[in-house]
């Protein structure tokens, strides 16, 4: 992930643009130094998780070859081919690397350590490239808190940052816009761990990543997806959700907060990327019913979080279902068209008859795959997500289904106001 952003040509913004947004008094901040620290027991538990992730990663080439799997489907492709190596990745186990996990998890393009994007810069600085290279080579430094505190002012940078639509805005204003009219149960509560940094707003912390997660919850809320899942819980007692490409797992954590122990969540990703979600979600769940699947293992009858390397999808197959909800947010376009089609068919295969797919994607760059066209060939029912009640991410969120699901496809967002 470091190379992806540090190698891009950045567009800077003028000081006038930044100052016009940040003119008001700086907001209170949840700083890096205020994070809850992992205990030694939690760190030891995480090292065990990393051992299993590394096993998955090292086994992938031989497994794919021995099973006759198509490597173009299961190895990184398109944008990810140049980011994630099939061999030779380093899995860091040191306390600082795990304790500050979120600082190096820019899955949506935002670096918490800089409180800025590296592709479109608001705050260009000369020291970030050497700093990133040092981290890539040596891991998280012992003085990271003092160093970043001396270089980056969180109040300033979160008072004028890029919003979801790419405009310069205040995180306080953006957070309040995305939580307006949202029932308390569905407001994202971001854990104050793993190096999280944000502005304090109404008792919660906010940054561009937390607001992005809220926009996805809002999309599922106004489209009727969350109401349907609540009805599924009442009817069946539990729901099962599959997310393809969960990043560090914020959406899984948000859904876990909403549904508690009624949720079974499956994170399916490239084996090396599972490093992030397995640590983040397992620690926050206190390790309760959290499982990283290895080849030959059976899916547990019950679980809270299940972490599955993408190349095990065929081995585990239908035992991962039936699925009530499948998710993908902003990673399908970064894959090849063949990979998107495979995952689309895989989701359709595992979905219940009344199951739903929530997809947030857009082909924003020339090399991006048009995943919407592919999903439209797989799923006969599509509902574009938009709302006049809650803020959503415009023109990229859709709900898909393989049969007519009236609770969602006939749902209007005005029902939120009842």
Protein backbone atom coordinates (compact mmCIF):
# COMPACT_ATOMS: atom_id res chain seq x y z
CA UNK A 1 0.00 0.00 0.00
CA UNK A 2 2.90 2.39 0.60
CA UNK A 3 4.07 2.29 -2.99
CA UNK A 4 0.57 2.79 -4.34
CA UNK A 5 0.24 6.29 -2.93
CA UNK A 6 3.80 7.48 -2.54
CA UNK A 7 4.48 6.89 -6.23
CA UNK A 8 1.54 9.00 -7.43
CA UNK A 9 1.93 12.55 -8.70
CA UNK A 10 0.15 14.67 -6.11
CA UNK A 11 -2.06 17.66 -6.78
CA UNK A 12 -1.70 20.31 -4.10
CA UNK A 13 -4.26 22.84 -2.88
CA UNK A 14 -3.54 26.49 -2.25
CA UNK A 15 -3.21 27.88 1.25
CA UNK A 16 -6.20 30.12 0.47
CA UNK A 17 -8.39 27.07 -0.24
CA UNK A 18 -7.36 25.47 3.02
CA UNK A 19 -7.67 28.64 5.07
CA UNK A 20 -11.18 29.38 3.84
CA UNK A 21 -12.38 26.12 5.34
CA UNK A 22 -10.23 26.11 8.49
CA UNK A 23 -11.03 29.70 9.52
CA UNK A 24 -13.11 28.74 12.55
CA UNK A 25 -11.66 27.74 15.94
CA UNK A 26 -9.90 24.35 15.79
CA UNK A 27 -11.98 21.43 17.09
CA UNK A 28 -10.95 19.19 20.00
CA UNK A 29 -8.92 16.23 18.82
CA UNK A 30 -8.50 12.58 19.74
CA UNK A 31 -4.74 12.45 19.23
CA UNK A 32 -2.42 9.54 18.60
CA UNK A 33 -1.17 9.80 22.18
CA UNK A 34 -4.74 9.31 23.47
CA UNK A 35 -5.17 5.85 21.96
CA UNK A 36 -5.74 2.84 24.17
CA UNK A 37 -2.67 0.63 23.95
CA UNK A 38 -2.65 -3.09 23.35
CA UNK A 39 -1.83 -5.18 26.39
CA UNK A 40 1.02 -7.65 26.25
CA UNK A 41 -1.55 -10.46 26.16
CA UNK A 42 -3.34 -8.89 23.22
CA UNK A 43 -0.06 -8.44 21.38
CA UNK A 44 0.84 -12.10 21.93
CA UNK A 45 -2.59 -13.07 20.58
CA UNK A 46 -2.00 -10.90 17.51
CA UNK A 47 1.36 -12.57 16.86
CA UNK A 48 -0.52 -15.88 16.68
CA UNK A 49 -2.91 -14.35 14.14
CA UNK A 50 0.01 -13.12 12.05
CA UNK A 51 1.53 -16.61 12.10
CA UNK A 52 -1.64 -18.03 10.54
CA UNK A 53 -1.89 -15.24 7.96
CA UNK A 54 1.73 -15.83 6.97
CA UNK A 55 0.99 -19.56 6.61
CA UNK A 56 -1.85 -18.71 4.24
CA UNK A 57 0.34 -16.38 2.23
CA UNK A 58 3.28 -18.78 1.92
CA UNK A 59 1.00 -21.68 0.94
CA UNK A 60 -0.84 -19.82 -1.82
CA UNK A 61 1.36 -20.51 -4.91
CA UNK A 62 1.69 -24.25 -4.25
CA UNK A 63 -1.98 -24.56 -3.29
CA UNK A 64 -3.21 -22.80 -6.44
CA UNK A 65 -0.98 -25.00 -8.61
CA UNK A 66 -1.88 -28.29 -6.88
CA UNK A 67 -5.62 -27.60 -7.09
CA UNK A 68 -5.46 -26.52 -10.71
CA UNK A 69 -6.88 -23.10 -9.89
CA UNK A 70 -6.56 -20.23 -12.33
CA UNK A 71 -3.84 -17.93 -10.93
CA UNK A 72 -5.28 -14.97 -12.85
CA UNK A 73 -8.38 -15.25 -10.65
CA UNK A 74 -6.72 -15.70 -7.27
CA UNK A 75 -3.44 -13.79 -7.51
CA UNK A 76 -3.44 -9.98 -7.39
CA UNK A 77 -4.52 -8.46 -10.69
CA UNK A 78 -4.96 -5.07 -12.33
CA UNK A 79 -4.14 -2.31 -9.80
CA UNK A 80 -3.22 -4.79 -7.04
CA UNK A 81 -0.70 -6.69 -9.17
CA UNK A 82 1.89 -3.99 -8.59
CA UNK A 83 1.07 -3.51 -4.91
CA UNK A 84 0.85 -6.98 -3.38
CA UNK A 85 3.64 -9.46 -4.21
CA UNK A 86 2.77 -13.14 -4.59
CA UNK A 87 6.02 -14.00 -2.78
CA UNK A 88 8.34 -12.21 -0.38
CA UNK A 89 5.94 -10.08 1.66
CA UNK A 90 7.06 -9.20 5.20
CA UNK A 91 4.60 -9.77 8.05
CA UNK A 92 5.55 -7.56 10.96
CA UNK A 93 4.94 -8.78 14.49
CA UNK A 94 6.60 -6.06 16.61
CA UNK A 95 4.42 -4.35 19.18
CA UNK A 96 4.50 -0.92 17.51
CA UNK A 97 3.60 -2.29 14.09
CA UNK A 98 0.47 -3.93 15.48
CA UNK A 99 -0.41 -1.30 18.09
CA UNK A 100 -0.41 1.43 15.39
CA UNK A 101 -1.94 -0.75 12.68
CA UNK A 102 -4.29 1.94 11.37
CA UNK A 103 -1.47 4.37 10.61
CA UNK A 104 -0.38 2.15 7.73
CA UNK A 105 -3.82 1.10 6.43
CA UNK A 106 -4.73 3.64 3.71
CA UNK A 107 -7.26 1.38 2.01
CA UNK A 108 -9.42 4.33 1.01
CA UNK A 109 -6.41 6.47 0.10
CA UNK A 110 -6.15 8.40 3.37
CA UNK A 111 -3.07 8.12 5.58
CA UNK A 112 -3.84 8.68 9.25
CA UNK A 113 -0.20 9.38 10.00
CA UNK A 114 -0.21 12.37 7.62
CA UNK A 115 -3.93 13.12 7.96
CA UNK A 116 -3.90 13.60 4.23
CA UNK A 117 -4.09 11.68 0.99
CA UNK A 118 -0.90 11.09 -0.93
CA UNK A 119 -2.47 11.13 -4.40
CA UNK A 120 -4.25 14.48 -4.00
CA UNK A 121 -2.34 16.51 -1.44
CA UNK A 122 -3.69 19.27 0.74
CA UNK A 123 -0.52 19.46 2.84
CA UNK A 124 2.57 18.55 0.82
CA UNK A 125 5.69 18.17 2.93
CA UNK A 126 9.22 17.13 2.05
CA UNK A 127 9.70 14.57 4.82
CA UNK A 128 7.00 12.01 4.03
CA UNK A 129 8.81 10.03 1.32
CA UNK A 130 11.90 9.25 3.46
CA UNK A 131 9.61 8.52 6.40
CA UNK A 132 7.54 6.00 4.40
CA UNK A 133 10.67 4.31 3.08
CA UNK A 134 12.03 3.99 6.61
CA UNK A 135 8.78 2.42 7.81
CA UNK A 136 8.70 0.02 4.87
CA UNK A 137 12.22 -1.12 5.61
CA UNK A 138 12.33 -1.07 9.39
CA UNK A 139 8.78 -1.06 10.69
CA UNK A 140 7.10 1.41 13.02
CA UNK A 141 9.59 3.52 14.93
CA UNK A 142 9.59 3.80 18.71
CA UNK A 143 9.28 7.57 18.60
CA UNK A 144 6.36 7.59 16.14
CA UNK A 145 4.02 9.49 18.48
CA UNK A 146 6.51 12.26 19.28
CA UNK A 147 7.70 12.43 15.67
CA UNK A 148 4.24 12.80 14.13
CA UNK A 149 3.11 15.19 16.86
CA UNK A 150 6.02 17.47 15.93
CA UNK A 151 5.19 17.30 12.22
CA UNK A 152 1.39 17.15 11.95
CA UNK A 153 -1.30 19.27 13.61
CA UNK A 154 -4.48 17.11 13.67
CA UNK A 155 -6.77 20.05 14.49
CA UNK A 156 -5.53 21.96 11.46
CA UNK A 157 -5.60 19.07 9.04
CA UNK A 158 -9.03 17.77 10.06
CA UNK A 159 -10.43 21.29 9.94
CA UNK A 160 -9.66 21.36 6.21
CA UNK A 161 -9.53 17.92 4.60
CA UNK A 162 -10.85 16.30 1.45
CA UNK A 163 -14.42 15.05 1.78
CA UNK A 164 -16.03 12.03 0.14
CA UNK A 165 -16.75 14.00 -3.02
CA UNK A 166 -13.17 15.35 -3.23
CA UNK A 167 -13.92 18.86 -1.96
CA UNK A 168 -12.09 20.65 0.86
CA UNK A 169 -14.22 20.70 4.00
CA UNK A 170 -14.17 20.39 7.78
CA UNK A 171 -14.42 16.90 9.26
CA UNK A 172 -16.73 18.27 11.94
CA UNK A 173 -19.15 19.59 9.32
CA UNK A 174 -18.86 16.45 7.23
CA UNK A 175 -19.45 14.15 10.19
CA UNK A 176 -22.56 16.05 11.20
CA UNK A 177 -23.86 16.00 7.65
CA UNK A 178 -23.48 12.23 7.43
CA UNK A 179 -25.00 11.57 10.86
CA UNK A 180 -27.96 13.96 10.41
CA UNK A 181 -31.27 12.04 10.60
CA UNK A 182 -29.40 8.78 11.32
CA UNK A 183 -30.87 6.84 14.28
CA UNK A 184 -28.36 6.40 17.10
CA UNK A 185 -28.06 2.64 16.56
CA UNK A 186 -26.67 3.24 13.07
CA UNK A 187 -24.13 5.95 13.88
CA UNK A 188 -20.60 4.59 13.43
CA UNK A 189 -18.60 4.42 16.67
CA UNK A 190 -14.94 4.11 15.82
CA UNK A 191 -12.72 2.33 18.40
CA UNK A 192 -10.02 4.50 19.93
CA UNK A 193 -7.27 1.98 19.25
CA UNK A 194 -4.66 0.98 16.69
CA UNK A 195 -3.48 4.55 16.11
CA UNK A 196 -6.84 6.13 15.34
CA UNK A 197 -6.80 9.94 15.08
CA UNK A 198 -9.83 12.19 14.67
CA UNK A 199 -11.75 15.24 15.73
CA UNK A 200 -14.16 14.90 18.65
CA UNK A 201 -17.73 15.44 17.48
CA UNK A 202 -20.68 14.84 19.78
CA UNK A 203 -18.79 12.21 21.78
CA UNK A 204 -17.42 10.37 18.71
CA UNK A 205 -14.20 10.65 16.74
CA UNK A 206 -14.33 11.53 13.06
CA UNK A 207 -11.89 11.51 10.17
CA UNK A 208 -12.32 10.87 6.42
CA UNK A 209 -12.24 7.08 6.97
CA UNK A 210 -14.94 7.06 9.66
CA UNK A 211 -17.15 9.34 7.54
CA UNK A 212 -16.71 7.04 4.55
CA UNK A 213 -17.81 4.08 6.67
CA UNK A 214 -20.84 6.08 7.83
CA UNK A 215 -21.76 6.80 4.21
CA UNK A 216 -21.91 3.05 3.54
CA UNK A 217 -24.03 2.40 6.61
CA UNK A 218 -26.31 5.23 5.45
CA UNK A 219 -26.60 3.63 2.01
CA UNK A 220 -27.71 0.35 3.56
CA UNK A 221 -30.03 2.21 5.91
CA UNK A 222 -31.92 4.31 3.36
CA UNK A 223 -32.16 1.45 0.84
CA UNK A 224 -33.87 -0.85 3.33
CA UNK A 225 -30.98 -3.32 3.60
CA UNK A 226 -30.48 -2.85 7.35
CA UNK A 227 -34.23 -3.08 8.05
CA UNK A 228 -34.33 -6.34 6.10
CA UNK A 229 -31.38 -7.70 8.07
CA UNK A 230 -33.16 -6.79 11.31
CA UNK A 231 -36.21 -8.71 10.08
CA UNK A 232 -33.96 -11.65 9.15
CA UNK A 233 -32.55 -11.65 12.69
CA UNK A 234 -36.05 -11.70 14.16
CA UNK A 235 -37.06 -14.52 11.84
CA UNK A 236 -33.93 -16.71 11.89
CA UNK A 237 -31.99 -15.54 14.94
CA UNK A 238 -28.76 -14.81 13.05
CA UNK A 239 -27.53 -13.26 9.83
CA UNK A 240 -24.45 -14.02 7.80
CA UNK A 241 -22.57 -11.31 5.89
CA UNK A 242 -19.76 -11.74 3.38
CA UNK A 243 -17.47 -8.82 2.55
CA UNK A 244 -15.04 -9.18 -0.32
CA UNK A 245 -12.06 -6.89 0.25
CA UNK A 246 -12.76 -5.56 3.77
CA UNK A 247 -9.51 -3.60 4.13
CA UNK A 248 -8.90 -3.19 7.85
CA UNK A 249 -12.53 -4.10 8.63
CA UNK A 250 -14.39 -0.89 9.58
CA UNK A 251 -17.65 -1.96 7.95
CA UNK A 252 -17.54 -5.32 9.71
CA UNK A 253 -16.95 -3.54 13.02
CA UNK A 254 -19.85 -1.15 12.37
CA UNK A 255 -22.22 -4.01 11.55
CA UNK A 256 -21.04 -5.89 14.63
CA UNK A 257 -21.94 -2.87 16.75
CA UNK A 258 -25.43 -2.84 15.22
CA UNK A 259 -26.24 -6.56 15.33
CA UNK A 260 -24.05 -7.83 18.16
CA UNK A 261 -23.78 -11.59 18.54
CA UNK A 262 -26.52 -12.11 15.94
CA UNK A 263 -23.99 -11.35 13.19
CA UNK A 264 -21.68 -13.86 11.50
CA UNK A 265 -19.24 -11.92 9.35
CA UNK A 266 -16.90 -13.38 6.72
CA UNK A 267 -13.91 -11.34 5.53
CA UNK A 268 -12.60 -12.67 2.19
CA UNK A 269 -9.41 -11.07 0.89
CA UNK A 270 -5.95 -11.62 -0.50
CA UNK A 271 -4.06 -13.59 2.18
CA UNK A 272 -1.54 -10.85 2.92
CA UNK A 273 -4.27 -8.21 3.30
CA UNK A 274 -6.06 -10.37 5.89
CA UNK A 275 -3.23 -9.26 8.20
CA UNK A 276 -5.15 -6.01 8.74
CA UNK A 277 -8.75 -7.15 9.18
CA UNK A 278 -7.94 -10.25 11.23
CA UNK A 279 -5.96 -8.23 13.80
CA UNK A 280 -8.38 -5.30 13.94
CA UNK A 281 -11.64 -7.22 14.17
CA UNK A 282 -10.38 -10.10 16.33
CA UNK A 283 -8.91 -7.85 19.00
CA UNK A 284 -12.05 -5.71 19.11
CA UNK A 285 -14.09 -8.92 19.54
CA UNK A 286 -11.73 -10.07 22.32
CA UNK A 287 -10.88 -13.10 20.18
CA UNK A 288 -14.31 -14.59 20.80
CA UNK A 289 -15.31 -16.94 17.95
CA UNK A 290 -12.77 -15.44 15.56
CA UNK A 291 -11.16 -17.84 13.09
CA UNK A 292 -8.53 -17.55 10.34
CA UNK A 293 -9.19 -20.47 8.01
CA UNK A 294 -6.27 -22.64 6.85
CA UNK A 295 -6.45 -25.21 4.01
CA UNK A 296 -8.26 -28.37 5.08
CA UNK A 297 -10.14 -26.76 7.97
CA UNK A 298 -13.92 -26.84 8.22
CA UNK A 299 -16.07 -23.76 8.69
CA UNK A 300 -17.21 -23.63 12.35
CA UNK A 301 -20.89 -24.10 13.00
CA UNK A 302 -20.96 -20.73 14.77
CA UNK A 303 -18.58 -17.77 14.53
CA UNK A 304 -18.41 -14.01 14.90
CA UNK A 305 -15.62 -13.27 12.46
CA UNK A 306 -14.27 -15.68 9.86
CA UNK A 307 -11.20 -14.72 7.80
CA UNK A 308 -10.85 -16.47 4.45
CA UNK A 309 -8.04 -16.21 1.92
CA UNK A 310 -9.53 -15.72 -1.53
CA UNK A 311 -7.92 -18.85 -2.95
CA UNK A 312 -9.83 -20.99 -0.41
CA UNK A 313 -13.19 -19.85 -1.80
CA UNK A 314 -13.60 -22.99 -3.92
CA UNK A 315 -12.49 -25.40 -1.18
CA UNK A 316 -14.86 -23.92 1.38
CA UNK A 317 -17.56 -23.26 -1.21
CA UNK A 318 -21.14 -23.53 -0.07
CA UNK A 319 -20.12 -24.01 3.58
CA UNK A 320 -19.58 -20.24 3.68
CA UNK A 321 -23.28 -19.72 2.99
CA UNK A 322 -26.10 -19.16 2.92
CA UNK A 323 -25.39 -15.43 2.88
CA UNK A 324 -27.93 -12.75 3.78
CA UNK A 325 -25.79 -9.85 2.59
CA UNK A 326 -22.69 -9.62 0.39
CA UNK A 327 -20.57 -6.46 0.28
CA UNK A 328 -17.90 -4.84 -1.82
CA UNK A 329 -16.75 -1.25 -1.47
CA UNK A 330 -14.29 0.32 -3.88
CA UNK A 331 -12.15 -2.70 -4.71
CA UNK A 332 -13.95 -4.35 -7.65
CA UNK A 333 -12.77 -1.65 -10.11
CA UNK A 334 -9.19 -2.29 -8.96
CA UNK A 335 -9.49 -5.96 -9.99
CA UNK A 336 -9.53 -7.50 -13.47
CA UNK A 337 -12.86 -8.02 -15.21
CA UNK A 338 -12.40 -11.80 -14.87
CA UNK A 339 -11.95 -11.47 -11.11
CA UNK A 340 -15.01 -9.24 -10.75
CA UNK A 341 -17.10 -11.75 -12.72
CA UNK A 342 -15.83 -14.61 -10.56
CA UNK A 343 -16.72 -12.82 -7.32
CA UNK A 344 -20.08 -11.73 -8.70
CA UNK A 345 -20.98 -15.34 -9.56
CA UNK A 346 -19.59 -16.48 -6.21
CA UNK A 347 -21.80 -14.04 -4.31
CA UNK A 348 -24.86 -15.07 -6.32
CA UNK A 349 -24.13 -18.74 -5.60
CA UNK A 350 -23.92 -18.20 -1.83
CA UNK A 351 -26.82 -15.76 -1.44
CA UNK A 352 -30.11 -16.87 0.02
CA UNK A 353 -33.05 -16.57 -2.36
CA UNK A 354 -33.86 -13.24 -0.68
CA UNK A 355 -30.22 -12.26 -0.18
CA UNK A 356 -28.88 -8.83 -1.13
CA UNK A 357 -25.63 -7.43 -2.51
CA UNK A 358 -24.58 -3.92 -1.49
CA UNK A 359 -21.96 -2.50 -3.82
CA UNK A 360 -20.15 0.84 -3.72
CA UNK A 361 -17.92 1.16 -6.74
CA UNK A 362 -17.05 3.49 -9.59
CA UNK A 363 -14.55 3.23 -12.44
CA UNK A 364 -12.78 6.52 -11.73
CA UNK A 365 -9.51 5.87 -13.56
CA UNK A 366 -8.68 4.61 -17.07
CA UNK A 367 -7.38 1.26 -15.82
CA UNK A 368 -10.41 0.61 -13.62
CA UNK A 369 -12.83 -2.20 -14.42
CA UNK A 370 -16.46 -1.30 -15.06
CA UNK A 371 -17.81 -3.59 -12.35
CA UNK A 372 -21.38 -2.25 -12.62
CA UNK A 373 -21.74 -3.61 -16.16
CA UNK A 374 -20.49 -7.02 -15.04
CA UNK A 375 -22.80 -7.19 -12.01
CA UNK A 376 -25.74 -6.17 -14.22
CA UNK A 377 -25.08 -9.28 -16.33
CA UNK A 378 -25.17 -11.48 -13.20
CA UNK A 379 -28.01 -9.99 -11.14
CA UNK A 380 -31.39 -9.24 -12.75
CA UNK A 381 -32.44 -6.75 -10.06
CA UNK A 382 -30.69 -3.48 -9.35
CA UNK A 383 -31.62 -0.51 -7.18
CA UNK A 384 -29.46 2.63 -7.29
CA UNK A 385 -29.07 4.05 -3.78
CA UNK A 386 -29.99 7.67 -3.18
CA UNK A 387 -31.67 9.50 -0.32
CA UNK A 388 -33.27 12.79 0.52
CA UNK A 389 -33.18 11.94 4.23
CA UNK A 390 -29.60 10.86 5.00
CA UNK A 391 -26.35 11.68 3.20
CA UNK A 392 -24.97 8.93 0.97
CA UNK A 393 -22.07 8.64 -1.43
CA UNK A 394 -23.53 9.83 -4.71
CA UNK A 395 -23.87 7.76 -7.89
CA UNK A 396 -21.82 4.72 -6.87
CA UNK A 397 -23.92 2.75 -4.36
CA UNK A 398 -26.24 0.03 -5.65
CA UNK A 399 -28.27 -2.85 -4.27
CA UNK A 400 -28.42 -6.06 -6.33
CA UNK A 401 -30.54 -9.20 -5.98
CA UNK A 402 -31.09 -12.46 -7.85
CA UNK A 403 -34.82 -12.43 -7.08
CA UNK A 404 -37.32 -9.69 -6.37
CA UNK A 405 -36.88 -8.75 -2.70
CA UNK A 406 -39.74 -6.38 -2.00
CA UNK A 407 -38.53 -5.38 1.47
CA UNK A 408 -35.58 -3.68 -0.22
CA UNK A 409 -36.45 -3.06 -3.85
CA UNK A 410 -39.81 -1.50 -2.94
CA UNK A 411 -38.41 0.42 0.03
CA UNK A 412 -38.33 4.22 0.01
CA UNK A 413 -36.07 6.31 2.19
CA UNK A 414 -39.05 8.35 3.41
CA UNK A 415 -39.80 5.36 5.64
CA UNK A 416 -36.87 6.52 7.79
CA UNK A 417 -38.92 9.49 8.89
CA UNK A 418 -41.72 7.40 10.37
